[in-house]
Amino acid sequence: MKKSRPVLFPEFIGNENMSNTVDVRWQDIRPSHKLKIGSPSNRYYEYIYPSLNFKKHSLDNLRELLDFEGIEVYVRSVLKMKNGESYAVLARKGDVPFAKHIVHIFAEIKKSHSSFELLDV
């Protein structure tokens, strides 16, 4: 008679996607929520933008965003797009402009929070 192999961890049988953890905290981001701008996930910020007009973005605008690392911001409003993405409109405390011509910045909520470009305070 042939011996069967012992199952080492029977409670994990059928859970092939165990390594995928679901981050639900990004769903808690609402207007007046305080956040902090973290470090860029790439050379520049991938999910934080100076405007939602993507055709007018330039490399200088993306470089200018690098100076905002560590600044505390709050969510002014949340924009929900037709494709299901949500963008947070971020402003500085006291409505002080970020730069000479940048009053608000925009961030994709789910992607920027999961890539640690936006941090909870």
PDB file of N, CA and C in Angstrom:
ATOM      1  N   MET A   1       0.832  -1.175   0.000  1.00  0.00           N
ATOM      2  CA  MET A   1       0.000   0.000   0.000  1.00  0.00           C
ATOM      3  C   MET A   1       0.878   1.240   0.000  1.00  0.00           C
ATOM      4  N   LYS A   2       0.501   2.190  -0.820  1.00  0.00           N
ATOM      5  CA  LYS A   2       1.284   3.406  -0.974  1.00  0.00           C
ATOM      6  C   LYS A   2       0.883   4.423   0.086  1.00  0.00           C
ATOM      7  N   LYS A   3       1.888   5.058   0.713  1.00  0.00           N
ATOM      8  CA  LYS A   3       1.608   6.066   1.728  1.00  0.00           C
ATOM      9  C   LYS A   3       1.276   7.409   1.069  1.00  0.00           C
ATOM     10  N   SER A   4       0.365   8.150   1.681  1.00  0.00           N
ATOM     11  CA  SER A   4       0.033   9.482   1.150  1.00  0.00           C
ATOM     12  C   SER A   4       0.889  10.531   1.852  1.00  0.00           C
ATOM     13  N   ARG A   5       1.122  11.599   1.155  1.00  0.00           N
ATOM     14  CA  ARG A   5       1.912  12.687   1.725  1.00  0.00           C
ATOM     15  C   ARG A   5       1.101  13.438   2.756  1.00  0.00           C
ATOM     16  N   PRO A   6       1.722  13.842   3.849  1.00  0.00           N
ATOM     17  CA  PRO A   6       0.977  14.626   4.837  1.00  0.00           C
ATOM     18  C   PRO A   6       0.786  16.062   4.339  1.00  0.00           C
ATOM     19  N   VAL A   7      -0.336  16.633   4.666  1.00  0.00           N
ATOM     20  CA  VAL A   7      -0.621  18.017   4.313  1.00  0.00           C
ATOM     21  C   VAL A   7      -0.159  18.870   5.478  1.00  0.00           C
ATOM     22  N   LEU A   8       0.799  19.750   5.223  1.00  0.00           N
ATOM     23  CA  LEU A   8       1.413  20.513   6.303  1.00  0.00           C
ATOM     24  C   LEU A   8       0.506  21.604   6.848  1.00  0.00           C
ATOM     25  N   PHE A   9      -0.166  22.314   5.982  1.00  0.00           N
ATOM     26  CA  PHE A   9      -1.028  23.410   6.407  1.00  0.00           C
ATOM     27  C   PHE A   9      -2.408  23.245   5.767  1.00  0.00           C
ATOM     28  N   PRO A  10      -3.267  22.427   6.359  1.00  0.00           N
ATOM     29  CA  PRO A  10      -4.562  22.162   5.722  1.00  0.00           C
ATOM     30  C   PRO A  10      -5.497  23.371   5.713  1.00  0.00           C
ATOM     31  N   GLU A  11      -5.284  24.332   6.617  1.00  0.00           N
ATOM     32  CA  GLU A  11      -6.172  25.493   6.645  1.00  0.00           C
ATOM     33  C   GLU A  11      -5.965  26.422   5.454  1.00  0.00           C
ATOM     34  N   PHE A  12      -4.858  26.246   4.722  1.00  0.00           N
ATOM     35  CA  PHE A  12      -4.573  27.097   3.586  1.00  0.00           C
ATOM     36  C   PHE A  12      -4.891  26.448   2.245  1.00  0.00           C
ATOM     37  N   ILE A  13      -5.500  25.301   2.253  1.00  0.00           N
ATOM     38  CA  ILE A  13      -5.846  24.634   0.994  1.00  0.00           C
ATOM     39  C   ILE A  13      -6.960  25.421   0.311  1.00  0.00           C
ATOM     40  N   GLY A  14      -6.757  25.719  -0.942  1.00  0.00           N
ATOM     41  CA  GLY A  14      -7.756  26.450  -1.708  1.00  0.00           C
ATOM     42  C   GLY A  14      -7.552  27.952  -1.681  1.00  0.00           C
ATOM     43  N   ASN A  15      -6.591  28.451  -0.925  1.00  0.00           N
ATOM     44  CA  ASN A  15      -6.316  29.890  -0.886  1.00  0.00           C
ATOM     45  C   ASN A  15      -5.037  30.182  -1.668  1.00  0.00           C
ATOM     46  N   GLU A  16      -5.134  30.070  -2.982  1.00  0.00           N
ATOM     47  CA  GLU A  16      -3.943  30.275  -3.817  1.00  0.00           C
ATOM     48  C   GLU A  16      -3.515  31.732  -3.843  1.00  0.00           C
ATOM     49  N   ASN A  17      -4.430  32.648  -3.635  1.00  0.00           N
ATOM     50  CA  ASN A  17      -4.114  34.071  -3.708  1.00  0.00           C
ATOM     51  C   ASN A  17      -3.881  34.660  -2.321  1.00  0.00           C
ATOM     52  N   MET A  18      -3.208  33.932  -1.481  1.00  0.00           N
ATOM     53  CA  MET A  18      -2.991  34.399  -0.117  1.00  0.00           C
ATOM     54  C   MET A  18      -2.092  35.620  -0.049  1.00  0.00           C
ATOM     55  N   SER A  19      -1.180  35.767  -0.976  1.00  0.00           N
ATOM     56  CA  SER A  19      -0.239  36.877  -0.924  1.00  0.00           C
ATOM     57  C   SER A  19      -0.896  38.213  -1.263  1.00  0.00           C
ATOM     58  N   ASN A  20      -2.078  38.196  -1.863  1.00  0.00           N
ATOM     59  CA  ASN A  20      -2.767  39.434  -2.206  1.00  0.00           C
ATOM     60  C   ASN A  20      -3.502  39.957  -0.986  1.00  0.00           C
ATOM     61  N   THR A  21      -3.007  41.037  -0.432  1.00  0.00           N
ATOM     62  CA  THR A  21      -3.690  41.658   0.694  1.00  0.00           C
ATOM     63  C   THR A  21      -4.516  42.820   0.176  1.00  0.00           C
ATOM     64  N   VAL A  22      -5.693  42.987   0.706  1.00  0.00           N
ATOM     65  CA  VAL A  22      -6.590  44.041   0.266  1.00  0.00           C
ATOM     66  C   VAL A  22      -6.428  45.235   1.188  1.00  0.00           C
ATOM     67  N   ASP A  23      -6.056  46.384   0.621  1.00  0.00           N
ATOM     68  CA  ASP A  23      -5.911  47.604   1.394  1.00  0.00           C
ATOM     69  C   ASP A  23      -7.212  48.392   1.281  1.00  0.00           C
ATOM     70  N   VAL A  24      -7.947  48.450   2.364  1.00  0.00           N
ATOM     71  CA  VAL A  24      -9.250  49.098   2.339  1.00  0.00           C
ATOM     72  C   VAL A  24      -9.150  50.542   2.820  1.00  0.00           C
ATOM     73  N   ARG A  25      -8.023  50.938   3.366  1.00  0.00           N
ATOM     74  CA  ARG A  25      -7.902  52.254   3.970  1.00  0.00           C
ATOM     75  C   ARG A  25      -8.023  53.388   2.966  1.00  0.00           C
ATOM     76  N   TRP A  26      -7.731  53.162   1.722  1.00  0.00           N
ATOM     77  CA  TRP A  26      -7.861  54.231   0.728  1.00  0.00           C
ATOM     78  C   TRP A  26      -9.312  54.616   0.537  1.00  0.00           C
ATOM     79  N   GLN A  27     -10.242  53.704   0.842  1.00  0.00           N
ATOM     80  CA  GLN A  27     -11.661  53.998   0.686  1.00  0.00           C
ATOM     81  C   GLN A  27     -12.171  54.950   1.762  1.00  0.00           C
ATOM     82  N   ASP A  28     -11.407  55.119   2.828  1.00  0.00           N
ATOM     83  CA  ASP A  28     -11.805  56.010   3.912  1.00  0.00           C
ATOM     84  C   ASP A  28     -11.483  57.473   3.616  1.00  0.00           C
ATOM     85  N   ILE A  29     -10.783  57.749   2.536  1.00  0.00           N
ATOM     86  CA  ILE A  29     -10.380  59.117   2.229  1.00  0.00           C
ATOM     87  C   ILE A  29     -11.593  59.901   1.734  1.00  0.00           C
ATOM     88  N   ARG A  30     -11.939  60.927   2.462  1.00  0.00           N
ATOM     89  CA  ARG A  30     -13.091  61.786   2.189  1.00  0.00           C
ATOM     90  C   ARG A  30     -12.644  63.245   2.276  1.00  0.00           C
ATOM     91  N   PRO A  31     -13.490  64.199   1.883  1.00  0.00           N
ATOM     92  CA  PRO A  31     -13.130  65.612   2.046  1.00  0.00           C
ATOM     93  C   PRO A  31     -12.823  65.943   3.503  1.00  0.00           C
ATOM     94  N   SER A  32     -11.864  66.815   3.700  1.00  0.00           N
ATOM     95  CA  SER A  32     -11.299  67.278   4.983  1.00  0.00           C
ATOM     96  C   SER A  32     -10.413  66.234   5.650  1.00  0.00           C
ATOM     97  N   HIS A  33     -10.071  65.146   4.952  1.00  0.00           N
ATOM     98  CA  HIS A  33      -9.151  64.135   5.470  1.00  0.00           C
ATOM     99  C   HIS A  33      -7.725  64.673   5.355  1.00  0.00           C
ATOM    100  N   LYS A  34      -6.929  64.570   6.409  1.00  0.00           N
ATOM    101  CA  LYS A  34      -5.547  65.077   6.386  1.00  0.00           C
ATOM    102  C   LYS A  34      -4.603  63.984   5.901  1.00  0.00           C
ATOM    103  N   LEU A  35      -3.718  64.366   4.991  1.00  0.00           N
ATOM    104  CA  LEU A  35      -2.741  63.464   4.410  1.00  0.00           C
ATOM    105  C   LEU A  35      -1.391  64.153   4.357  1.00  0.00           C
ATOM    106  N   LYS A  36      -0.374  63.380   4.035  1.00  0.00           N
ATOM    107  CA  LYS A  36       0.973  63.915   3.874  1.00  0.00           C
ATOM    108  C   LYS A  36       1.516  63.390   2.554  1.00  0.00           C
ATOM    109  N   ILE A  37       2.173  64.237   1.808  1.00  0.00           N
ATOM    110  CA  ILE A  37       2.754  63.822   0.530  1.00  0.00           C
ATOM    111  C   ILE A  37       4.036  63.052   0.825  1.00  0.00           C
ATOM    112  N   GLY A  38       4.072  61.812   0.375  1.00  0.00           N
ATOM    113  CA  GLY A  38       5.220  60.945   0.615  1.00  0.00           C
ATOM    114  C   GLY A  38       6.259  61.075  -0.480  1.00  0.00           C
ATOM    115  N   SER A  39       7.139  60.103  -0.540  1.00  0.00           N
ATOM    116  CA  SER A  39       8.193  60.133  -1.555  1.00  0.00           C
ATOM    117  C   SER A  39       7.660  59.606  -2.884  1.00  0.00           C
ATOM    118  N   PRO A  40       8.258  60.014  -3.993  1.00  0.00           N
ATOM    119  CA  PRO A  40       7.797  59.555  -5.308  1.00  0.00           C
ATOM    120  C   PRO A  40       7.995  58.050  -5.463  1.00  0.00           C
ATOM    121  N   SER A  41       7.071  57.406  -6.144  1.00  0.00           N
ATOM    122  CA  SER A  41       7.187  55.967  -6.349  1.00  0.00           C
ATOM    123  C   SER A  41       8.140  55.639  -7.493  1.00  0.00           C
ATOM    124  N   ASN A  42       8.460  56.580  -8.299  1.00  0.00           N
ATOM    125  CA  ASN A  42       9.379  56.420  -9.413  1.00  0.00           C
ATOM    126  C   ASN A  42      10.360  57.583  -9.348  1.00  0.00           C
ATOM    127  N   ARG A  43      10.914  57.978 -10.467  1.00  0.00           N
ATOM    128  CA  ARG A  43      11.768  59.164 -10.473  1.00  0.00           C
ATOM    129  C   ARG A  43      10.950  60.416 -10.184  1.00  0.00           C
ATOM    130  N   TYR A  44       9.727  60.428 -10.677  1.00  0.00           N
ATOM    131  CA  TYR A  44       8.771  61.496 -10.418  1.00  0.00           C
ATOM    132  C   TYR A  44       7.516  60.856  -9.837  1.00  0.00           C
ATOM    133  N   TYR A  45       6.602  61.687  -9.396  1.00  0.00           N
ATOM    134  CA  TYR A  45       5.329  61.171  -8.893  1.00  0.00           C
ATOM    135  C   TYR A  45       4.528  60.606 -10.058  1.00  0.00           C
ATOM    136  N   GLU A  46       4.054  59.373  -9.897  1.00  0.00           N
ATOM    137  CA  GLU A  46       3.277  58.741 -10.952  1.00  0.00           C
ATOM    138  C   GLU A  46       1.795  59.072 -10.859  1.00  0.00           C
ATOM    139  N   TYR A  47       1.287  59.250  -9.654  1.00  0.00           N
ATOM    140  CA  TYR A  47      -0.156  59.371  -9.461  1.00  0.00           C
ATOM    141  C   TYR A  47      -0.572  60.699  -8.837  1.00  0.00           C
ATOM    142  N   ILE A  48       0.333  61.640  -8.724  1.00  0.00           N
ATOM    143  CA  ILE A  48       0.012  62.988  -8.248  1.00  0.00           C
ATOM    144  C   ILE A  48       0.312  63.942  -9.400  1.00  0.00           C
ATOM    145  N   TYR A  49      -0.674  64.795  -9.722  1.00  0.00           N
ATOM    146  CA  TYR A  49      -0.576  65.640 -10.906  1.00  0.00           C
ATOM    147  C   TYR A  49      -0.841  67.099 -10.551  1.00  0.00           C
ATOM    148  N   PRO A  50      -0.233  68.036 -11.289  1.00  0.00           N
ATOM    149  CA  PRO A  50      -0.534  69.451 -11.062  1.00  0.00           C
ATOM    150  C   PRO A  50      -1.877  69.867 -11.656  1.00  0.00           C
ATOM    151  N   SER A  51      -2.379  69.113 -12.628  1.00  0.00           N
ATOM    152  CA  SER A  51      -3.699  69.388 -13.208  1.00  0.00           C
ATOM    153  C   SER A  51      -4.226  68.090 -13.809  1.00  0.00           C
ATOM    154  N   LEU A  52      -5.506  68.081 -14.137  1.00  0.00           N
ATOM    155  CA  LEU A  52      -6.097  66.898 -14.769  1.00  0.00           C
ATOM    156  C   LEU A  52      -6.069  66.984 -16.290  1.00  0.00           C
ATOM    157  N   ASN A  53      -5.516  68.056 -16.834  1.00  0.00           N
ATOM    158  CA  ASN A  53      -5.337  68.181 -18.270  1.00  0.00           C
ATOM    159  C   ASN A  53      -3.999  67.529 -18.619  1.00  0.00           C
ATOM    160  N   PHE A  54      -4.043  66.232 -18.915  1.00  0.00           N
ATOM    161  CA  PHE A  54      -2.827  65.456 -19.085  1.00  0.00           C
ATOM    162  C   PHE A  54      -2.036  65.836 -20.326  1.00  0.00           C
ATOM    163  N   LYS A  55      -2.652  66.469 -21.297  1.00  0.00           N
ATOM    164  CA  LYS A  55      -1.939  66.868 -22.513  1.00  0.00           C
ATOM    165  C   LYS A  55      -0.989  68.036 -22.253  1.00  0.00           C
ATOM    166  N   LYS A  56      -1.256  68.819 -21.207  1.00  0.00           N
ATOM    167  CA  LYS A  56      -0.422  69.983 -20.916  1.00  0.00           C
ATOM    168  C   LYS A  56       0.667  69.711 -19.880  1.00  0.00           C
ATOM    169  N   HIS A  57       0.792  68.471 -19.430  1.00  0.00           N
ATOM    170  CA  HIS A  57       1.842  68.167 -18.472  1.00  0.00           C
ATOM    171  C   HIS A  57       3.205  68.212 -19.159  1.00  0.00           C
ATOM    172  N   SER A  58       4.159  68.762 -18.443  1.00  0.00           N
ATOM    173  CA  SER A  58       5.512  68.796 -18.970  1.00  0.00           C
ATOM    174  C   SER A  58       6.461  68.272 -17.899  1.00  0.00           C
ATOM    175  N   LEU A  59       7.686  68.072 -18.282  1.00  0.00           N
ATOM    176  CA  LEU A  59       8.684  67.560 -17.352  1.00  0.00           C
ATOM    177  C   LEU A  59       8.976  68.569 -16.248  1.00  0.00           C
ATOM    178  N   ASP A  60       8.905  69.856 -16.574  1.00  0.00           N
ATOM    179  CA  ASP A  60       9.122  70.892 -15.558  1.00  0.00           C
ATOM    180  C   ASP A  60       8.036  70.850 -14.491  1.00  0.00           C
ATOM    181  N   ASN A  61       6.786  70.601 -14.895  1.00  0.00           N
ATOM    182  CA  ASN A  61       5.699  70.500 -13.924  1.00  0.00           C
ATOM    183  C   ASN A  61       5.908  69.317 -12.989  1.00  0.00           C
ATOM    184  N   LEU A  62       6.382  68.201 -13.537  1.00  0.00           N
ATOM    185  CA  LEU A  62       6.617  67.017 -12.710  1.00  0.00           C
ATOM    186  C   LEU A  62       7.803  67.225 -11.777  1.00  0.00           C
ATOM    187  N   ARG A  63       8.824  67.937 -12.230  1.00  0.00           N
ATOM    188  CA  ARG A  63       9.967  68.246 -11.358  1.00  0.00           C
ATOM    189  C   ARG A  63       9.565  69.159 -10.218  1.00  0.00           C
ATOM    190  N   GLU A  64       8.655  70.069 -10.496  1.00  0.00           N
ATOM    191  CA  GLU A  64       8.193  71.006  -9.482  1.00  0.00           C
ATOM    192  C   GLU A  64       7.459  70.291  -8.349  1.00  0.00           C
ATOM    193  N   LEU A  65       6.815  69.174  -8.664  1.00  0.00           N
ATOM    194  CA  LEU A  65       6.111  68.398  -7.641  1.00  0.00           C
ATOM    195  C   LEU A  65       7.058  67.749  -6.642  1.00  0.00           C
ATOM    196  N   LEU A  66       8.315  67.547  -7.020  1.00  0.00           N
ATOM    197  CA  LEU A  66       9.276  66.914  -6.116  1.00  0.00           C
ATOM    198  C   LEU A  66       9.546  67.766  -4.874  1.00  0.00           C
ATOM    199  N   ASP A  67       9.345  69.074  -4.970  1.00  0.00           N
ATOM    200  CA  ASP A  67       9.569  69.968  -3.836  1.00  0.00           C
ATOM    201  C   ASP A  67       8.469  69.862  -2.783  1.00  0.00           C
ATOM    202  N   PHE A  68       7.366  69.207  -3.100  1.00  0.00           N
ATOM    203  CA  PHE A  68       6.226  69.132  -2.185  1.00  0.00           C
ATOM    204  C   PHE A  68       6.295  67.944  -1.238  1.00  0.00           C
ATOM    205  N   GLU A  69       7.362  67.169  -1.303  1.00  0.00           N
ATOM    206  CA  GLU A  69       7.475  65.983  -0.446  1.00  0.00           C
ATOM    207  C   GLU A  69       7.498  66.391   1.028  1.00  0.00           C
ATOM    208  N   GLY A  70       6.655  65.740   1.827  1.00  0.00           N
ATOM    209  CA  GLY A  70       6.594  65.999   3.254  1.00  0.00           C
ATOM    210  C   GLY A  70       5.590  67.067   3.666  1.00  0.00           C
ATOM    211  N   ILE A  71       4.921  67.688   2.722  1.00  0.00           N
ATOM    212  CA  ILE A  71       3.952  68.737   3.035  1.00  0.00           C
ATOM    213  C   ILE A  71       2.633  68.095   3.455  1.00  0.00           C
ATOM    214  N   GLU A  72       2.058  68.617   4.524  1.00  0.00           N
ATOM    215  CA  GLU A  72       0.748  68.145   4.956  1.00  0.00           C
ATOM    216  C   GLU A  72      -0.329  68.842   4.149  1.00  0.00           C
ATOM    217  N   VAL A  73      -1.276  68.046   3.653  1.00  0.00           N
ATOM    218  CA  VAL A  73      -2.362  68.551   2.828  1.00  0.00           C
ATOM    219  C   VAL A  73      -3.681  68.006   3.363  1.00  0.00           C
ATOM    220  N   TYR A  74      -4.760  68.568   2.877  1.00  0.00           N
ATOM    221  CA  TYR A  74      -6.064  68.005   3.190  1.00  0.00           C
ATOM    222  C   TYR A  74      -6.852  67.843   1.896  1.00  0.00           C
ATOM    223  N   VAL A  75      -7.801  66.932   1.918  1.00  0.00           N
ATOM    224  CA  VAL A  75      -8.613  66.654   0.742  1.00  0.00           C
ATOM    225  C   VAL A  75      -9.710  67.705   0.662  1.00  0.00           C
ATOM    226  N   ARG A  76      -9.685  68.464  -0.389  1.00  0.00           N
ATOM    227  CA  ARG A  76     -10.687  69.517  -0.573  1.00  0.00           C
ATOM    228  C   ARG A  76     -11.971  68.932  -1.141  1.00  0.00           C
ATOM    229  N   SER A  77     -11.844  68.025  -2.103  1.00  0.00           N
ATOM    230  CA  SER A  77     -13.004  67.341  -2.662  1.00  0.00           C
ATOM    231  C   SER A  77     -12.528  66.057  -3.345  1.00  0.00           C
ATOM    232  N   VAL A  78     -13.480  65.211  -3.698  1.00  0.00           N
ATOM    233  CA  VAL A  78     -13.190  63.952  -4.384  1.00  0.00           C
ATOM    234  C   VAL A  78     -13.958  63.948  -5.697  1.00  0.00           C
ATOM    235  N   LEU A  79     -13.244  63.689  -6.787  1.00  0.00           N
ATOM    236  CA  LEU A  79     -13.849  63.637  -8.116  1.00  0.00           C
ATOM    237  C   LEU A  79     -13.942  62.174  -8.548  1.00  0.00           C
ATOM    238  N   LYS A  80     -15.123  61.724  -8.899  1.00  0.00           N
ATOM    239  CA  LYS A  80     -15.315  60.348  -9.384  1.00  0.00           C
ATOM    240  C   LYS A  80     -15.527  60.403 -10.889  1.00  0.00           C
ATOM    241  N   MET A  81     -14.686  59.677 -11.609  1.00  0.00           N
ATOM    242  CA  MET A  81     -14.730  59.682 -13.066  1.00  0.00           C
ATOM    243  C   MET A  81     -15.640  58.568 -13.582  1.00  0.00           C
ATOM    244  N   LYS A  82     -15.978  58.626 -14.857  1.00  0.00           N
ATOM    245  CA  LYS A  82     -16.849  57.616 -15.471  1.00  0.00           C
ATOM    246  C   LYS A  82     -16.191  56.243 -15.502  1.00  0.00           C
ATOM    247  N   ASN A  83     -14.868  56.207 -15.616  1.00  0.00           N
ATOM    248  CA  ASN A  83     -14.173  54.927 -15.693  1.00  0.00           C
ATOM    249  C   ASN A  83     -13.961  54.281 -14.325  1.00  0.00           C
ATOM    250  N   GLY A  84     -14.450  54.900 -13.253  1.00  0.00           N
ATOM    251  CA  GLY A  84     -14.383  54.307 -11.929  1.00  0.00           C
ATOM    252  C   GLY A  84     -13.257  54.827 -11.055  1.00  0.00           C
ATOM    253  N   GLU A  85     -12.344  55.589 -11.620  1.00  0.00           N
ATOM    254  CA  GLU A  85     -11.242  56.125 -10.826  1.00  0.00           C
ATOM    255  C   GLU A  85     -11.716  57.314 -10.002  1.00  0.00           C
ATOM    256  N   SER A  86     -11.082  57.499  -8.852  1.00  0.00           N
ATOM    257  CA  SER A  86     -11.405  58.632  -7.989  1.00  0.00           C
ATOM    258  C   SER A  86     -10.161  59.481  -7.818  1.00  0.00           C
ATOM    259  N   TYR A  87     -10.318  60.782  -7.979  1.00  0.00           N
ATOM    260  CA  TYR A  87      -9.229  61.724  -7.818  1.00  0.00           C
ATOM    261  C   TYR A  87      -9.522  62.617  -6.625  1.00  0.00           C
ATOM    262  N   ALA A  88      -8.512  62.844  -5.799  1.00  0.00           N
ATOM    263  CA  ALA A  88      -8.636  63.752  -4.668  1.00  0.00           C
ATOM    264  C   ALA A  88      -8.051  65.093  -5.063  1.00  0.00           C
ATOM    265  N   VAL A  89      -8.762  66.156  -4.763  1.00  0.00           N
ATOM    266  CA  VAL A  89      -8.257  67.505  -4.966  1.00  0.00           C
ATOM    267  C   VAL A  89      -7.611  67.904  -3.648  1.00  0.00           C
ATOM    268  N   LEU A  90      -6.298  68.120  -3.674  1.00  0.00           N
ATOM    269  CA  LEU A  90      -5.533  68.375  -2.459  1.00  0.00           C
ATOM    270  C   LEU A  90      -5.154  69.850  -2.368  1.00  0.00           C
ATOM    271  N   ALA A  91      -5.235  70.391  -1.169  1.00  0.00           N
ATOM    272  CA  ALA A  91      -4.847  71.781  -0.923  1.00  0.00           C
ATOM    273  C   ALA A  91      -4.022  71.820   0.360  1.00  0.00           C
ATOM    274  N   ARG A  92      -3.202  72.845   0.482  1.00  0.00           N
ATOM    275  CA  ARG A  92      -2.408  73.025   1.696  1.00  0.00           C
ATOM    276  C   ARG A  92      -3.253  73.593   2.810  1.00  0.00           C
ATOM    277  N   LYS A  93      -2.798  73.405   4.023  1.00  0.00           N
ATOM    278  CA  LYS A  93      -3.493  73.946   5.181  1.00  0.00           C
ATOM    279  C   LYS A  93      -3.469  75.468   5.102  1.00  0.00           C
ATOM    280  N   GLY A  94      -4.604  76.090   5.328  1.00  0.00           N
ATOM    281  CA  GLY A  94      -4.708  77.536   5.233  1.00  0.00           C
ATOM    282  C   GLY A  94      -4.851  78.031   3.813  1.00  0.00           C
ATOM    283  N   ASP A  95      -5.069  77.119   2.860  1.00  0.00           N
ATOM    284  CA  ASP A  95      -5.214  77.442   1.436  1.00  0.00           C
ATOM    285  C   ASP A  95      -4.042  78.248   0.880  1.00  0.00           C
ATOM    286  N   VAL A  96      -2.852  77.986   1.392  1.00  0.00           N
ATOM    287  CA  VAL A  96      -1.628  78.594   0.869  1.00  0.00           C
ATOM    288  C   VAL A  96      -1.280  77.864  -0.426  1.00  0.00           C
ATOM    289  N   PRO A  97      -0.955  78.566  -1.509  1.00  0.00           N
ATOM    290  CA  PRO A  97      -0.612  77.878  -2.759  1.00  0.00           C
ATOM    291  C   PRO A  97       0.674  77.064  -2.621  1.00  0.00           C
ATOM    292  N   PHE A  98       0.744  75.970  -3.359  1.00  0.00           N
ATOM    293  CA  PHE A  98       1.938  75.126  -3.367  1.00  0.00           C
ATOM    294  C   PHE A  98       3.099  75.857  -4.028  1.00  0.00           C
ATOM    295  N   ALA A  99       2.794  76.478  -5.128  1.00  0.00           N
ATOM    296  CA  ALA A  99       3.792  77.247  -5.876  1.00  0.00           C
ATOM    297  C   ALA A  99       3.076  78.468  -6.445  1.00  0.00           C
ATOM    298  N   LYS A 100       3.792  79.221  -7.243  1.00  0.00           N
ATOM    299  CA  LYS A 100       3.261  80.472  -7.780  1.00  0.00           C
ATOM    300  C   LYS A 100       1.963  80.261  -8.561  1.00  0.00           C
ATOM    301  N   HIS A 101       1.891  79.192  -9.327  1.00  0.00           N
ATOM    302  CA  HIS A 101       0.723  78.959 -10.171  1.00  0.00           C
ATOM    303  C   HIS A 101      -0.019  77.659  -9.832  1.00  0.00           C
ATOM    304  N   ILE A 102       0.380  76.962  -8.776  1.00  0.00           N
ATOM    305  CA  ILE A 102      -0.277  75.712  -8.389  1.00  0.00           C
ATOM    306  C   ILE A 102      -0.986  75.921  -7.053  1.00  0.00           C
ATOM    307  N   VAL A 103      -2.319  75.962  -7.098  1.00  0.00           N
ATOM    308  CA  VAL A 103      -3.110  76.134  -5.879  1.00  0.00           C
ATOM    309  C   VAL A 103      -3.572  74.782  -5.367  1.00  0.00           C
ATOM    310  N   HIS A 104      -3.995  73.895  -6.281  1.00  0.00           N
ATOM    311  CA  HIS A 104      -4.443  72.553  -5.938  1.00  0.00           C
ATOM    312  C   HIS A 104      -3.612  71.542  -6.716  1.00  0.00           C
ATOM    313  N   ILE A 105      -3.453  70.367  -6.140  1.00  0.00           N
ATOM    314  CA  ILE A 105      -2.881  69.249  -6.884  1.00  0.00           C
ATOM    315  C   ILE A 105      -3.886  68.109  -6.839  1.00  0.00           C
ATOM    316  N   PHE A 106      -3.757  67.193  -7.771  1.00  0.00           N
ATOM    317  CA  PHE A 106      -4.718  66.114  -7.930  1.00  0.00           C
ATOM    318  C   PHE A 106      -3.993  64.787  -7.769  1.00  0.00           C
ATOM    319  N   ALA A 107      -4.645  63.839  -7.099  1.00  0.00           N
ATOM    320  CA  ALA A 107      -4.032  62.529  -6.878  1.00  0.00           C
ATOM    321  C   ALA A 107      -5.056  61.441  -7.115  1.00  0.00           C
ATOM    322  N   GLU A 108      -4.635  60.383  -7.817  1.00  0.00           N
ATOM    323  CA  GLU A 108      -5.469  59.196  -7.942  1.00  0.00           C
ATOM    324  C   GLU A 108      -5.468  58.520  -6.580  1.00  0.00           C
ATOM    325  N   ILE A 109      -6.622  58.393  -5.967  1.00  0.00           N
ATOM    326  CA  ILE A 109      -6.680  58.000  -4.565  1.00  0.00           C
ATOM    327  C   ILE A 109      -6.116  56.601  -4.340  1.00  0.00           C
ATOM    328  N   LYS A 110      -6.636  55.617  -5.043  1.00  0.00           N
ATOM    329  CA  LYS A 110      -6.248  54.226  -4.775  1.00  0.00           C
ATOM    330  C   LYS A 110      -4.774  53.978  -5.095  1.00  0.00           C
ATOM    331  N   LYS A 111      -4.329  54.410  -6.253  1.00  0.00           N
ATOM    332  CA  LYS A 111      -2.961  54.122  -6.683  1.00  0.00           C
ATOM    333  C   LYS A 111      -1.928  54.925  -5.896  1.00  0.00           C
ATOM    334  N   SER A 112      -2.225  56.183  -5.614  1.00  0.00           N
ATOM    335  CA  SER A 112      -1.248  56.988  -4.874  1.00  0.00           C
ATOM    336  C   SER A 112      -1.151  56.541  -3.422  1.00  0.00           C
ATOM    337  N   HIS A 113      -2.235  56.059  -2.846  1.00  0.00           N
ATOM    338  CA  HIS A 113      -2.195  55.587  -1.457  1.00  0.00           C
ATOM    339  C   HIS A 113      -1.482  54.252  -1.370  1.00  0.00           C
ATOM    340  N   SER A 114      -1.702  53.361  -2.341  1.00  0.00           N
ATOM    341  CA  SER A 114      -1.059  52.057  -2.289  1.00  0.00           C
ATOM    342  C   SER A 114       0.424  52.119  -2.657  1.00  0.00           C
ATOM    343  N   SER A 115       0.849  53.157  -3.388  1.00  0.00           N
ATOM    344  CA  SER A 115       2.267  53.309  -3.735  1.00  0.00           C
ATOM    345  C   SER A 115       2.991  54.240  -2.753  1.00  0.00           C
ATOM    346  N   PHE A 116       2.313  54.638  -1.678  1.00  0.00           N
ATOM    347  CA  PHE A 116       2.854  55.478  -0.610  1.00  0.00           C
ATOM    348  C   PHE A 116       3.273  56.865  -1.074  1.00  0.00           C
ATOM    349  N   GLU A 117       2.658  57.349  -2.146  1.00  0.00           N
ATOM    350  CA  GLU A 117       2.854  58.745  -2.525  1.00  0.00           C
ATOM    351  C   GLU A 117       2.020  59.654  -1.624  1.00  0.00           C
ATOM    352  N   LEU A 118       0.893  59.138  -1.121  1.00  0.00           N
ATOM    353  CA  LEU A 118       0.083  59.821  -0.121  1.00  0.00           C
ATOM    354  C   LEU A 118       0.100  58.986   1.156  1.00  0.00           C
ATOM    355  N   LEU A 119       0.364  59.635   2.276  1.00  0.00           N
ATOM    356  CA  LEU A 119       0.456  58.945   3.549  1.00  0.00           C
ATOM    357  C   LEU A 119      -0.573  59.490   4.521  1.00  0.00           C
ATOM    358  N   ASP A 120      -1.036  58.635   5.414  1.00  0.00           N
ATOM    359  CA  ASP A 120      -1.941  59.089   6.470  1.00  0.00           C
ATOM    360  C   ASP A 120      -1.150  59.848   7.526  1.00  0.00           C
ATOM    361  N   VAL A 121      -1.784  60.840   8.086  1.00  0.00           N
ATOM    362  CA  VAL A 121      -1.124  61.630   9.149  1.00  0.00           C
ATOM    363  C   VAL A 121      -1.498  61.037  10.486  1.00  0.00           C
TER     364      VAL A 121
END
